[in-house]
């Protein structure tokens, strides 16, 4: 399933081609030295332009983003047959102490759609492992698929070692997280699921029905970080690495995605969540597609040597040219 904004494959390829670290004239908000997040990337979710960056190329732990990739691969693998029931292997439930789990039982039969919700809404690791086995056959083969997918979508400085992001040597960068999020944003069902505040996992052959709730406080109305415009992707926190927040908004002319990593809790508050909200709002109001060359306007006159009955020609653009710029950019200063 592709997002309507980027249905054409050419558009998607172009967006990745344009995803390069850019020097923009936009006013940085908030100021970099006032931010608690150590690694930040903000991109336009239509065209892939990076409009804000802070330490985007430094390697950081993969964390919860591993589960995003797991869900993406499962969505693509089971497209059109998400009600398929899969069997939980014993190995999928091992070594998950201290993480959020759905309490799946070995040999339990559960629909893929419920596992996807468990992963994307509540970040449940046993559900992620179960999807990994269902898609890849073995964890080793699934991890190879994760890394291949990362390379395919341009996240070339990312390396996965498991399907959950737990206690691993996996690494990524803020820029690569933005690339993965940009790719995920094009999938309507992915965005629909990860933006939910709650979901009921149906009764199975070994467990009763259970209500699960969003792990991402940006989409939870009772949270101090609730953001009415947030389209949730992922949010996680560890004492060692701080917060890893990935969220999107689409209330302005253009949709944006923000990745903010490394913010630590201080006096009961994780500043990264407010920084994500501020950066998404700032981007939504400060950038626009601007026409920098108009094919109806004459650029200049050029002399013609040895011309027959003519001493000059008028130079005009072959076509209109647009660029994605800060709204305050002085177009007359562009050469």
C-alpha atoms as a PDB file:
ATOM      1  CA  UNK A   1       0.000   0.000   0.000  1.00  0.00           C
ATOM      2  CA  UNK A   2       1.441   3.353  -0.991  1.00  0.00           C
ATOM      3  CA  UNK A   3       0.530   6.733   0.389  1.00  0.00           C
ATOM      4  CA  UNK A   4      -1.533   8.763  -2.146  1.00  0.00           C
ATOM      5  CA  UNK A   5       1.023  11.553  -2.068  1.00  0.00           C
ATOM      6  CA  UNK A   6       3.711   9.276  -3.519  1.00  0.00           C
ATOM      7  CA  UNK A   7       1.856   6.700  -5.556  1.00  0.00           C
ATOM      8  CA  UNK A   8       4.182   6.929  -8.508  1.00  0.00           C
ATOM      9  CA  UNK A   9       7.410   4.987  -8.127  1.00  0.00           C
ATOM     10  CA  UNK A  10       9.282   7.816  -9.806  1.00  0.00           C
ATOM     11  CA  UNK A  11       8.154  10.192  -7.065  1.00  0.00           C
ATOM     12  CA  UNK A  12       9.399   7.852  -4.373  1.00  0.00           C
ATOM     13  CA  UNK A  13      12.771   7.408  -6.072  1.00  0.00           C
ATOM     14  CA  UNK A  14      13.074  11.171  -6.528  1.00  0.00           C
ATOM     15  CA  UNK A  15      12.320  11.753  -2.871  1.00  0.00           C
ATOM     16  CA  UNK A  16      15.187   9.482  -1.839  1.00  0.00           C
ATOM     17  CA  UNK A  17      17.487  11.182  -4.318  1.00  0.00           C
ATOM     18  CA  UNK A  18      16.662  14.521  -2.730  1.00  0.00           C
ATOM     19  CA  UNK A  19      17.215  13.263   0.815  1.00  0.00           C
ATOM     20  CA  UNK A  20      20.610  14.887   1.305  1.00  0.00           C
ATOM     21  CA  UNK A  21      21.923  16.999   4.192  1.00  0.00           C
ATOM     22  CA  UNK A  22      21.015  20.515   3.091  1.00  0.00           C
ATOM     23  CA  UNK A  23      22.122  23.915   4.241  1.00  0.00           C
ATOM     24  CA  UNK A  24      18.909  25.910   4.626  1.00  0.00           C
ATOM     25  CA  UNK A  25      18.340  29.484   5.658  1.00  0.00           C
ATOM     26  CA  UNK A  26      15.544  28.644   8.059  1.00  0.00           C
ATOM     27  CA  UNK A  27      15.676  29.892  11.619  1.00  0.00           C
ATOM     28  CA  UNK A  28      16.547  26.948  13.862  1.00  0.00           C
ATOM     29  CA  UNK A  29      13.922  26.294  16.515  1.00  0.00           C
ATOM     30  CA  UNK A  30      14.556  25.561  19.242  1.00  0.00           C
ATOM     31  CA  UNK A  31      18.207  26.605  19.354  1.00  0.00           C
ATOM     32  CA  UNK A  32      20.493  23.611  19.115  1.00  0.00           C
ATOM     33  CA  UNK A  33      22.329  24.363  22.357  1.00  0.00           C
ATOM     34  CA  UNK A  34      18.994  24.548  24.198  1.00  0.00           C
ATOM     35  CA  UNK A  35      17.796  21.130  23.019  1.00  0.00           C
ATOM     36  CA  UNK A  36      17.994  18.122  25.299  1.00  0.00           C
ATOM     37  CA  UNK A  37      17.829  15.684  22.376  1.00  0.00           C
ATOM     38  CA  UNK A  38      21.338  14.859  21.199  1.00  0.00           C
ATOM     39  CA  UNK A  39      20.447  13.635  17.698  1.00  0.00           C
ATOM     40  CA  UNK A  40      17.650  15.209  15.665  1.00  0.00           C
ATOM     41  CA  UNK A  41      16.350  15.046  12.098  1.00  0.00           C
ATOM     42  CA  UNK A  42      13.248  16.709  10.661  1.00  0.00           C
ATOM     43  CA  UNK A  43      12.182  15.866   7.113  1.00  0.00           C
ATOM     44  CA  UNK A  44       9.371  16.721   4.766  1.00  0.00           C
ATOM     45  CA  UNK A  45       7.369  13.511   4.387  1.00  0.00           C
ATOM     46  CA  UNK A  46       6.329  14.385   0.823  1.00  0.00           C
ATOM     47  CA  UNK A  47       9.698  15.054  -0.778  1.00  0.00           C
ATOM     48  CA  UNK A  48      12.242  13.722   1.728  1.00  0.00           C
ATOM     49  CA  UNK A  49      14.015  17.066   2.238  1.00  0.00           C
ATOM     50  CA  UNK A  50      15.923  17.306   5.502  1.00  0.00           C
ATOM     51  CA  UNK A  51      14.978  20.706   6.954  1.00  0.00           C
ATOM     52  CA  UNK A  52      16.636  20.413  10.375  1.00  0.00           C
ATOM     53  CA  UNK A  53      19.564  18.358  11.562  1.00  0.00           C
ATOM     54  CA  UNK A  54      21.645  17.864  14.685  1.00  0.00           C
ATOM     55  CA  UNK A  55      24.313  15.158  14.786  1.00  0.00           C
ATOM     56  CA  UNK A  56      22.381  13.168  12.189  1.00  0.00           C
ATOM     57  CA  UNK A  57      25.371  11.090  11.039  1.00  0.00           C
ATOM     58  CA  UNK A  58      26.624   9.894  14.441  1.00  0.00           C
ATOM     59  CA  UNK A  59      25.888   6.262  15.219  1.00  0.00           C
ATOM     60  CA  UNK A  60      23.322   5.571  17.933  1.00  0.00           C
ATOM     61  CA  UNK A  61      21.574   2.428  19.252  1.00  0.00           C
ATOM     62  CA  UNK A  62      18.717   1.124  17.083  1.00  0.00           C
ATOM     63  CA  UNK A  63      16.327   0.737  20.009  1.00  0.00           C
ATOM     64  CA  UNK A  64      12.606   0.561  19.277  1.00  0.00           C
ATOM     65  CA  UNK A  65      13.172   1.343  15.595  1.00  0.00           C
ATOM     66  CA  UNK A  66      13.994  -2.339  15.081  1.00  0.00           C
ATOM     67  CA  UNK A  67      10.334  -3.066  15.743  1.00  0.00           C
ATOM     68  CA  UNK A  68       9.325  -0.549  13.074  1.00  0.00           C
ATOM     69  CA  UNK A  69      11.388  -2.437  10.516  1.00  0.00           C
ATOM     70  CA  UNK A  70       9.974  -5.752  11.738  1.00  0.00           C
ATOM     71  CA  UNK A  71       6.433  -4.464  11.269  1.00  0.00           C
ATOM     72  CA  UNK A  72       7.221  -3.013   7.836  1.00  0.00           C
ATOM     73  CA  UNK A  73       8.563  -6.327   6.561  1.00  0.00           C
ATOM     74  CA  UNK A  74       5.562  -8.189   7.993  1.00  0.00           C
ATOM     75  CA  UNK A  75       3.112  -5.735   6.407  1.00  0.00           C
ATOM     76  CA  UNK A  76       4.707  -6.201   3.012  1.00  0.00           C
ATOM     77  CA  UNK A  77       5.064  -9.964   3.351  1.00  0.00           C
ATOM     78  CA  UNK A  78       1.443 -10.517   4.428  1.00  0.00           C
ATOM     79  CA  UNK A  79      -0.123  -7.797   2.286  1.00  0.00           C
ATOM     80  CA  UNK A  80      -3.700  -8.774   1.412  1.00  0.00           C
ATOM     81  CA  UNK A  81      -3.770 -11.616   3.947  1.00  0.00           C
ATOM     82  CA  UNK A  82      -3.311  -9.942   7.323  1.00  0.00           C
ATOM     83  CA  UNK A  83      -5.962 -12.163   8.932  1.00  0.00           C
ATOM     84  CA  UNK A  84      -3.629 -15.140   8.453  1.00  0.00           C
ATOM     85  CA  UNK A  85      -3.066 -16.944  11.750  1.00  0.00           C
ATOM     86  CA  UNK A  86       0.509 -17.796  12.643  1.00  0.00           C
ATOM     87  CA  UNK A  87       1.787 -20.128  15.335  1.00  0.00           C
ATOM     88  CA  UNK A  88       3.996 -18.736  18.087  1.00  0.00           C
ATOM     89  CA  UNK A  89       7.308 -20.635  18.259  1.00  0.00           C
ATOM     90  CA  UNK A  90       8.860 -21.256  21.674  1.00  0.00           C
ATOM     91  CA  UNK A  91      11.960 -19.274  20.703  1.00  0.00           C
ATOM     92  CA  UNK A  92       9.861 -16.154  20.125  1.00  0.00           C
ATOM     93  CA  UNK A  93       9.033 -15.913  23.831  1.00  0.00           C
ATOM     94  CA  UNK A  94      12.528 -16.367  25.284  1.00  0.00           C
ATOM     95  CA  UNK A  95      14.949 -13.756  26.600  1.00  0.00           C
ATOM     96  CA  UNK A  96      12.438 -10.905  26.739  1.00  0.00           C
ATOM     97  CA  UNK A  97      12.592 -10.150  30.456  1.00  0.00           C
ATOM     98  CA  UNK A  98      12.119  -6.489  31.273  1.00  0.00           C
ATOM     99  CA  UNK A  99      10.368  -5.649  28.004  1.00  0.00           C
ATOM    100  CA  UNK A 100       6.734  -5.117  27.064  1.00  0.00           C
ATOM    101  CA  UNK A 101       5.171  -8.433  26.042  1.00  0.00           C
ATOM    102  CA  UNK A 102       1.754  -9.717  24.975  1.00  0.00           C
ATOM    103  CA  UNK A 103       2.356 -12.869  27.054  1.00  0.00           C
ATOM    104  CA  UNK A 104       2.160 -15.094  24.009  1.00  0.00           C
ATOM    105  CA  UNK A 105       2.355 -18.830  24.634  1.00  0.00           C
ATOM    106  CA  UNK A 106       4.225 -21.432  22.561  1.00  0.00           C
ATOM    107  CA  UNK A 107       1.909 -22.965  19.929  1.00  0.00           C
ATOM    108  CA  UNK A 108      -0.559 -20.097  20.342  1.00  0.00           C
ATOM    109  CA  UNK A 109      -2.333 -19.212  17.092  1.00  0.00           C
ATOM    110  CA  UNK A 110      -2.844 -15.508  16.477  1.00  0.00           C
ATOM    111  CA  UNK A 111      -3.689 -13.360  13.427  1.00  0.00           C
ATOM    112  CA  UNK A 112      -0.921 -11.278  11.865  1.00  0.00           C
ATOM    113  CA  UNK A 113      -3.051  -8.129  12.148  1.00  0.00           C
ATOM    114  CA  UNK A 114      -3.171  -8.516  15.945  1.00  0.00           C
ATOM    115  CA  UNK A 115       0.581  -9.034  16.127  1.00  0.00           C
ATOM    116  CA  UNK A 116       1.133  -5.895  14.055  1.00  0.00           C
ATOM    117  CA  UNK A 117      -0.987  -3.880  16.454  1.00  0.00           C
ATOM    118  CA  UNK A 118       0.865  -5.336  19.430  1.00  0.00           C
ATOM    119  CA  UNK A 119       4.163  -4.220  17.886  1.00  0.00           C
ATOM    120  CA  UNK A 120       3.225  -0.801  16.517  1.00  0.00           C
ATOM    121  CA  UNK A 121       0.793   0.311  19.227  1.00  0.00           C
ATOM    122  CA  UNK A 122       2.364  -1.142  22.357  1.00  0.00           C
ATOM    123  CA  UNK A 123       5.918  -2.098  21.274  1.00  0.00           C
ATOM    124  CA  UNK A 124       5.539  -5.715  22.406  1.00  0.00           C
ATOM    125  CA  UNK A 125       8.648  -7.764  21.824  1.00  0.00           C
ATOM    126  CA  UNK A 126       7.185 -11.281  21.778  1.00  0.00           C
ATOM    127  CA  UNK A 127       4.853 -10.134  19.005  1.00  0.00           C
ATOM    128  CA  UNK A 128       7.825  -8.755  17.068  1.00  0.00           C
ATOM    129  CA  UNK A 129       9.718 -12.034  17.403  1.00  0.00           C
ATOM    130  CA  UNK A 130       6.672 -14.024  16.306  1.00  0.00           C
ATOM    131  CA  UNK A 131       6.343 -11.893  13.160  1.00  0.00           C
ATOM    132  CA  UNK A 132      10.060 -12.358  12.497  1.00  0.00           C
ATOM    133  CA  UNK A 133       9.733 -16.147  12.523  1.00  0.00           C
ATOM    134  CA  UNK A 134       6.549 -15.993  10.428  1.00  0.00           C
ATOM    135  CA  UNK A 135       8.229 -13.887   7.728  1.00  0.00           C
ATOM    136  CA  UNK A 136      11.799 -15.144   7.741  1.00  0.00           C
ATOM    137  CA  UNK A 137      11.467 -18.749   8.920  1.00  0.00           C
ATOM    138  CA  UNK A 138      14.402 -18.197  11.291  1.00  0.00           C
ATOM    139  CA  UNK A 139      15.592 -15.146  13.186  1.00  0.00           C
ATOM    140  CA  UNK A 140      18.897 -15.251  11.310  1.00  0.00           C
ATOM    141  CA  UNK A 141      17.177 -15.098   7.947  1.00  0.00           C
ATOM    142  CA  UNK A 142      14.793 -12.385   9.119  1.00  0.00           C
ATOM    143  CA  UNK A 143      17.642 -10.220  10.397  1.00  0.00           C
ATOM    144  CA  UNK A 144      19.285 -10.550   6.976  1.00  0.00           C
ATOM    145  CA  UNK A 145      16.011  -9.329   5.441  1.00  0.00           C
ATOM    146  CA  UNK A 146      15.962  -6.361   7.838  1.00  0.00           C
ATOM    147  CA  UNK A 147      19.457  -5.284   6.840  1.00  0.00           C
ATOM    148  CA  UNK A 148      18.743  -5.780   3.153  1.00  0.00           C
ATOM    149  CA  UNK A 149      15.631  -3.617   3.465  1.00  0.00           C
ATOM    150  CA  UNK A 150      17.581  -0.913   5.260  1.00  0.00           C
ATOM    151  CA  UNK A 151      20.046  -0.748   2.371  1.00  0.00           C
ATOM    152  CA  UNK A 152      17.210  -0.756  -0.165  1.00  0.00           C
ATOM    153  CA  UNK A 153      15.614   2.350   1.326  1.00  0.00           C
ATOM    154  CA  UNK A 154      18.870   4.224   1.780  1.00  0.00           C
ATOM    155  CA  UNK A 155      19.581   3.559   5.469  1.00  0.00           C
ATOM    156  CA  UNK A 156      23.127   2.469   4.688  1.00  0.00           C
ATOM    157  CA  UNK A 157      24.578   3.189   8.149  1.00  0.00           C
ATOM    158  CA  UNK A 158      22.123   0.933   9.972  1.00  0.00           C
ATOM    159  CA  UNK A 159      22.759  -2.597  11.182  1.00  0.00           C
ATOM    160  CA  UNK A 160      20.145  -4.794  12.854  1.00  0.00           C
ATOM    161  CA  UNK A 161      20.975  -7.792  15.044  1.00  0.00           C
ATOM    162  CA  UNK A 162      17.486  -8.806  16.178  1.00  0.00           C
ATOM    163  CA  UNK A 163      13.812  -8.072  15.557  1.00  0.00           C
ATOM    164  CA  UNK A 164      13.197  -6.194  18.814  1.00  0.00           C
ATOM    165  CA  UNK A 165      16.117  -3.786  19.310  1.00  0.00           C
ATOM    166  CA  UNK A 166      16.715  -5.167  22.794  1.00  0.00           C
ATOM    167  CA  UNK A 167      20.200  -5.578  24.272  1.00  0.00           C
ATOM    168  CA  UNK A 168      22.019  -5.723  20.985  1.00  0.00           C
ATOM    169  CA  UNK A 169      25.006  -4.268  19.171  1.00  0.00           C
ATOM    170  CA  UNK A 170      22.712  -2.876  16.496  1.00  0.00           C
ATOM    171  CA  UNK A 171      23.290   0.703  15.399  1.00  0.00           C
ATOM    172  CA  UNK A 172      21.787   3.404  13.234  1.00  0.00           C
ATOM    173  CA  UNK A 173      21.841   7.197  12.828  1.00  0.00           C
ATOM    174  CA  UNK A 174      19.185   9.891  13.146  1.00  0.00           C
ATOM    175  CA  UNK A 175      19.377  10.372   9.373  1.00  0.00           C
ATOM    176  CA  UNK A 176      18.763   6.670   8.778  1.00  0.00           C
ATOM    177  CA  UNK A 177      15.892   6.614  11.271  1.00  0.00           C
ATOM    178  CA  UNK A 178      14.356   9.467   9.292  1.00  0.00           C
ATOM    179  CA  UNK A 179      14.801   7.479   6.066  1.00  0.00           C
ATOM    180  CA  UNK A 180      13.120   4.432   7.611  1.00  0.00           C
ATOM    181  CA  UNK A 181      10.302   6.608   8.958  1.00  0.00           C
ATOM    182  CA  UNK A 182       9.941   8.317   5.567  1.00  0.00           C
ATOM    183  CA  UNK A 183       9.540   4.917   3.914  1.00  0.00           C
ATOM    184  CA  UNK A 184       7.062   3.768   6.559  1.00  0.00           C
ATOM    185  CA  UNK A 185       5.002   6.942   6.158  1.00  0.00           C
ATOM    186  CA  UNK A 186       4.107   5.927   2.607  1.00  0.00           C
ATOM    187  CA  UNK A 187       2.248   2.874   3.944  1.00  0.00           C
ATOM    188  CA  UNK A 188      -1.281   3.930   4.922  1.00  0.00           C
ATOM    189  CA  UNK A 189      -1.966   0.888   7.082  1.00  0.00           C
ATOM    190  CA  UNK A 190       1.321   1.274   8.954  1.00  0.00           C
ATOM    191  CA  UNK A 191       0.403   4.869   9.842  1.00  0.00           C
ATOM    192  CA  UNK A 192      -3.170   3.928  10.739  1.00  0.00           C
ATOM    193  CA  UNK A 193      -2.008   1.259  13.169  1.00  0.00           C
ATOM    194  CA  UNK A 194       0.843   3.143  14.835  1.00  0.00           C
ATOM    195  CA  UNK A 195      -1.390   6.185  15.432  1.00  0.00           C
ATOM    196  CA  UNK A 196      -3.959   4.260  17.490  1.00  0.00           C
ATOM    197  CA  UNK A 197      -4.337   4.922  21.205  1.00  0.00           C
ATOM    198  CA  UNK A 198      -5.591   1.427  21.992  1.00  0.00           C
ATOM    199  CA  UNK A 199      -6.551  -1.852  20.367  1.00  0.00           C
ATOM    200  CA  UNK A 200      -8.262  -5.092  21.365  1.00  0.00           C
ATOM    201  CA  UNK A 201      -6.280  -8.229  20.599  1.00  0.00           C
ATOM    202  CA  UNK A 202      -8.827 -10.971  19.949  1.00  0.00           C
ATOM    203  CA  UNK A 203      -9.131 -14.158  21.987  1.00  0.00           C
ATOM    204  CA  UNK A 204      -6.857 -16.975  20.837  1.00  0.00           C
ATOM    205  CA  UNK A 205      -6.620 -20.694  21.513  1.00  0.00           C
ATOM    206  CA  UNK A 206      -4.468 -19.936  24.577  1.00  0.00           C
ATOM    207  CA  UNK A 207      -5.279 -16.403  25.746  1.00  0.00           C
ATOM    208  CA  UNK A 208      -8.413 -14.316  26.361  1.00  0.00           C
ATOM    209  CA  UNK A 209      -9.014 -11.051  24.503  1.00  0.00           C
ATOM    210  CA  UNK A 210      -6.952  -8.182  25.875  1.00  0.00           C
ATOM    211  CA  UNK A 211      -6.917  -4.414  25.443  1.00  0.00           C
ATOM    212  CA  UNK A 212      -3.498  -2.904  24.704  1.00  0.00           C
ATOM    213  CA  UNK A 213      -2.574   0.773  24.940  1.00  0.00           C
ATOM    214  CA  UNK A 214      -0.184   3.013  23.016  1.00  0.00           C
ATOM    215  CA  UNK A 215       3.382   3.189  24.229  1.00  0.00           C
ATOM    216  CA  UNK A 216       3.784   6.561  22.505  1.00  0.00           C
ATOM    217  CA  UNK A 217       2.672   9.337  24.918  1.00  0.00           C
ATOM    218  CA  UNK A 218       2.276  11.813  22.049  1.00  0.00           C
ATOM    219  CA  UNK A 219      -0.948  10.061  21.005  1.00  0.00           C
ATOM    220  CA  UNK A 220      -2.322   9.386  24.499  1.00  0.00           C
ATOM    221  CA  UNK A 221      -4.836  12.043  25.572  1.00  0.00           C
ATOM    222  CA  UNK A 222      -4.092  11.622  29.272  1.00  0.00           C
ATOM    223  CA  UNK A 223      -0.337  12.077  28.814  1.00  0.00           C
ATOM    224  CA  UNK A 224       1.457  15.308  29.681  1.00  0.00           C
ATOM    225  CA  UNK A 225       3.054  15.066  26.229  1.00  0.00           C
ATOM    226  CA  UNK A 226      -0.164  14.553  24.256  1.00  0.00           C
ATOM    227  CA  UNK A 227      -0.117  16.255  20.847  1.00  0.00           C
ATOM    228  CA  UNK A 228      -3.448  16.352  19.036  1.00  0.00           C
ATOM    229  CA  UNK A 229      -1.788  16.487  15.606  1.00  0.00           C
ATOM    230  CA  UNK A 230       0.665  13.633  16.186  1.00  0.00           C
ATOM    231  CA  UNK A 231       0.658  10.646  13.870  1.00  0.00           C
ATOM    232  CA  UNK A 232       2.460   8.212  16.084  1.00  0.00           C
ATOM    233  CA  UNK A 233       5.299   6.057  14.876  1.00  0.00           C
ATOM    234  CA  UNK A 234       7.430   5.037  17.815  1.00  0.00           C
ATOM    235  CA  UNK A 235       8.560   6.136  21.252  1.00  0.00           C
ATOM    236  CA  UNK A 236      10.866   4.416  23.699  1.00  0.00           C
ATOM    237  CA  UNK A 237      13.078   5.251  26.659  1.00  0.00           C
ATOM    238  CA  UNK A 238      16.030   3.729  28.463  1.00  0.00           C
ATOM    239  CA  UNK A 239      18.109   5.134  31.330  1.00  0.00           C
ATOM    240  CA  UNK A 240      21.290   4.523  29.364  1.00  0.00           C
ATOM    241  CA  UNK A 241      20.323   6.045  26.008  1.00  0.00           C
ATOM    242  CA  UNK A 242      17.403   8.321  26.847  1.00  0.00           C
ATOM    243  CA  UNK A 243      14.390   8.757  24.606  1.00  0.00           C
ATOM    244  CA  UNK A 244      13.983   7.676  21.005  1.00  0.00           C
ATOM    245  CA  UNK A 245      10.991   9.508  19.549  1.00  0.00           C
ATOM    246  CA  UNK A 246       9.734   9.307  15.970  1.00  0.00           C
ATOM    247  CA  UNK A 247       6.530  11.130  15.078  1.00  0.00           C
ATOM    248  CA  UNK A 248       4.794  12.842  12.176  1.00  0.00           C
ATOM    249  CA  UNK A 249       2.217  15.561  11.575  1.00  0.00           C
ATOM    250  CA  UNK A 250       0.210  16.497   8.498  1.00  0.00           C
ATOM    251  CA  UNK A 251      -1.915  19.470   9.549  1.00  0.00           C
ATOM    252  CA  UNK A 252      -0.122  22.029   7.367  1.00  0.00           C
ATOM    253  CA  UNK A 253       0.501  22.226   3.643  1.00  0.00           C
ATOM    254  CA  UNK A 254       3.161  19.531   3.933  1.00  0.00           C
ATOM    255  CA  UNK A 255       3.547  16.553   6.297  1.00  0.00           C
ATOM    256  CA  UNK A 256       6.701  16.317   8.410  1.00  0.00           C
ATOM    257  CA  UNK A 257       8.517  13.634  10.360  1.00  0.00           C
ATOM    258  CA  UNK A 258      10.709  14.321  13.379  1.00  0.00           C
ATOM    259  CA  UNK A 259      13.292  11.991  14.902  1.00  0.00           C
ATOM    260  CA  UNK A 260      14.638  13.025  18.325  1.00  0.00           C
ATOM    261  CA  UNK A 261      17.030  10.795  20.260  1.00  0.00           C
ATOM    262  CA  UNK A 262      18.968  11.072  23.509  1.00  0.00           C
ATOM    263  CA  UNK A 263      16.800  13.265  25.712  1.00  0.00           C
ATOM    264  CA  UNK A 264      17.040  12.214  29.382  1.00  0.00           C
ATOM    265  CA  UNK A 265      14.393  12.563  32.074  1.00  0.00           C
ATOM    266  CA  UNK A 266      14.896  15.605  34.317  1.00  0.00           C
ATOM    267  CA  UNK A 267      12.543  16.438  37.187  1.00  0.00           C
ATOM    268  CA  UNK A 268       9.977  14.003  35.832  1.00  0.00           C
ATOM    269  CA  UNK A 269      10.015  15.419  32.307  1.00  0.00           C
ATOM    270  CA  UNK A 270      11.576  14.146  29.076  1.00  0.00           C
ATOM    271  CA  UNK A 271      12.267  17.306  27.108  1.00  0.00           C
ATOM    272  CA  UNK A 272      12.485  15.471  23.805  1.00  0.00           C
ATOM    273  CA  UNK A 273       8.719  15.176  23.508  1.00  0.00           C
ATOM    274  CA  UNK A 274       8.181  18.923  23.664  1.00  0.00           C
ATOM    275  CA  UNK A 275      11.085  19.421  21.263  1.00  0.00           C
ATOM    276  CA  UNK A 276       9.416  17.077  18.755  1.00  0.00           C
ATOM    277  CA  UNK A 277       6.166  19.040  19.000  1.00  0.00           C
ATOM    278  CA  UNK A 278       7.948  22.382  18.605  1.00  0.00           C
ATOM    279  CA  UNK A 279      10.075  21.228  15.686  1.00  0.00           C
ATOM    280  CA  UNK A 280       7.122  19.730  13.814  1.00  0.00           C
ATOM    281  CA  UNK A 281       5.117  22.934  14.254  1.00  0.00           C
ATOM    282  CA  UNK A 282       8.119  25.064  13.262  1.00  0.00           C
ATOM    283  CA  UNK A 283       8.731  23.065  10.085  1.00  0.00           C
ATOM    284  CA  UNK A 284       5.061  23.169   9.116  1.00  0.00           C
ATOM    285  CA  UNK A 285       5.042  26.967   9.098  1.00  0.00           C
ATOM    286  CA  UNK A 286       8.530  27.789   7.833  1.00  0.00           C
ATOM    287  CA  UNK A 287       8.977  25.922   4.554  1.00  0.00           C
ATOM    288  CA  UNK A 288       7.181  25.924   1.230  1.00  0.00           C
ATOM    289  CA  UNK A 289       7.684  25.065  -2.420  1.00  0.00           C
ATOM    290  CA  UNK A 290       8.761  28.282  -4.109  1.00  0.00           C
ATOM    291  CA  UNK A 291       9.006  29.055  -7.827  1.00  0.00           C
ATOM    292  CA  UNK A 292      12.576  30.165  -8.457  1.00  0.00           C
ATOM    293  CA  UNK A 293      12.430  30.252 -12.270  1.00  0.00           C
ATOM    294  CA  UNK A 294       9.369  31.344 -14.229  1.00  0.00           C
ATOM    295  CA  UNK A 295       9.200  30.309 -17.876  1.00  0.00           C
ATOM    296  CA  UNK A 296       7.025  33.341 -18.633  1.00  0.00           C
ATOM    297  CA  UNK A 297       9.714  35.801 -17.552  1.00  0.00           C
ATOM    298  CA  UNK A 298      12.726  36.964 -19.554  1.00  0.00           C
ATOM    299  CA  UNK A 299      16.038  36.343 -17.826  1.00  0.00           C
ATOM    300  CA  UNK A 300      18.224  38.450 -20.086  1.00  0.00           C
ATOM    301  CA  UNK A 301      19.206  39.298 -23.648  1.00  0.00           C
ATOM    302  CA  UNK A 302      22.162  37.601 -25.299  1.00  0.00           C
ATOM    303  CA  UNK A 303      24.048  39.075 -28.268  1.00  0.00           C
ATOM    304  CA  UNK A 304      24.151  36.971 -31.435  1.00  0.00           C
ATOM    305  CA  UNK A 305      27.246  37.057 -33.624  1.00  0.00           C
ATOM    306  CA  UNK A 306      26.794  36.749 -37.365  1.00  0.00           C
ATOM    307  CA  UNK A 307      23.055  36.546 -36.919  1.00  0.00           C
ATOM    308  CA  UNK A 308      20.886  37.064 -39.988  1.00  0.00           C
ATOM    309  CA  UNK A 309      18.778  40.192 -39.431  1.00  0.00           C
ATOM    310  CA  UNK A 310      19.019  39.757 -35.651  1.00  0.00           C
ATOM    311  CA  UNK A 311      21.481  41.095 -33.107  1.00  0.00           C
ATOM    312  CA  UNK A 312      20.230  39.412 -29.952  1.00  0.00           C
ATOM    313  CA  UNK A 313      17.966  36.713 -28.525  1.00  0.00           C
ATOM    314  CA  UNK A 314      15.855  36.634 -25.392  1.00  0.00           C
ATOM    315  CA  UNK A 315      16.733  34.006 -22.774  1.00  0.00           C
ATOM    316  CA  UNK A 316      13.855  32.403 -20.873  1.00  0.00           C
ATOM    317  CA  UNK A 317      13.686  29.237 -18.729  1.00  0.00           C
ATOM    318  CA  UNK A 318      12.705  26.124 -20.653  1.00  0.00           C
ATOM    319  CA  UNK A 319      10.277  25.310 -17.812  1.00  0.00           C
ATOM    320  CA  UNK A 320       9.252  26.513 -14.380  1.00  0.00           C
ATOM    321  CA  UNK A 321      11.683  25.476 -11.644  1.00  0.00           C
ATOM    322  CA  UNK A 322      10.646  25.017  -8.025  1.00  0.00           C
ATOM    323  CA  UNK A 323      12.674  24.567  -4.847  1.00  0.00           C
ATOM    324  CA  UNK A 324      11.702  23.709  -1.290  1.00  0.00           C
ATOM    325  CA  UNK A 325      12.850  26.709   0.758  1.00  0.00           C
ATOM    326  CA  UNK A 326      12.416  28.689   3.927  1.00  0.00           C
ATOM    327  CA  UNK A 327       9.387  30.968   3.452  1.00  0.00           C
ATOM    328  CA  UNK A 328      11.595  33.984   4.266  1.00  0.00           C
ATOM    329  CA  UNK A 329      14.056  33.267   1.449  1.00  0.00           C
ATOM    330  CA  UNK A 330      14.635  36.323  -0.772  1.00  0.00           C
ATOM    331  CA  UNK A 331      14.011  34.864  -4.214  1.00  0.00           C
ATOM    332  CA  UNK A 332      15.570  37.888  -5.902  1.00  0.00           C
ATOM    333  CA  UNK A 333      18.899  36.964  -4.311  1.00  0.00           C
ATOM    334  CA  UNK A 334      18.976  33.502  -5.925  1.00  0.00           C
ATOM    335  CA  UNK A 335      21.352  33.203  -8.857  1.00  0.00           C
END
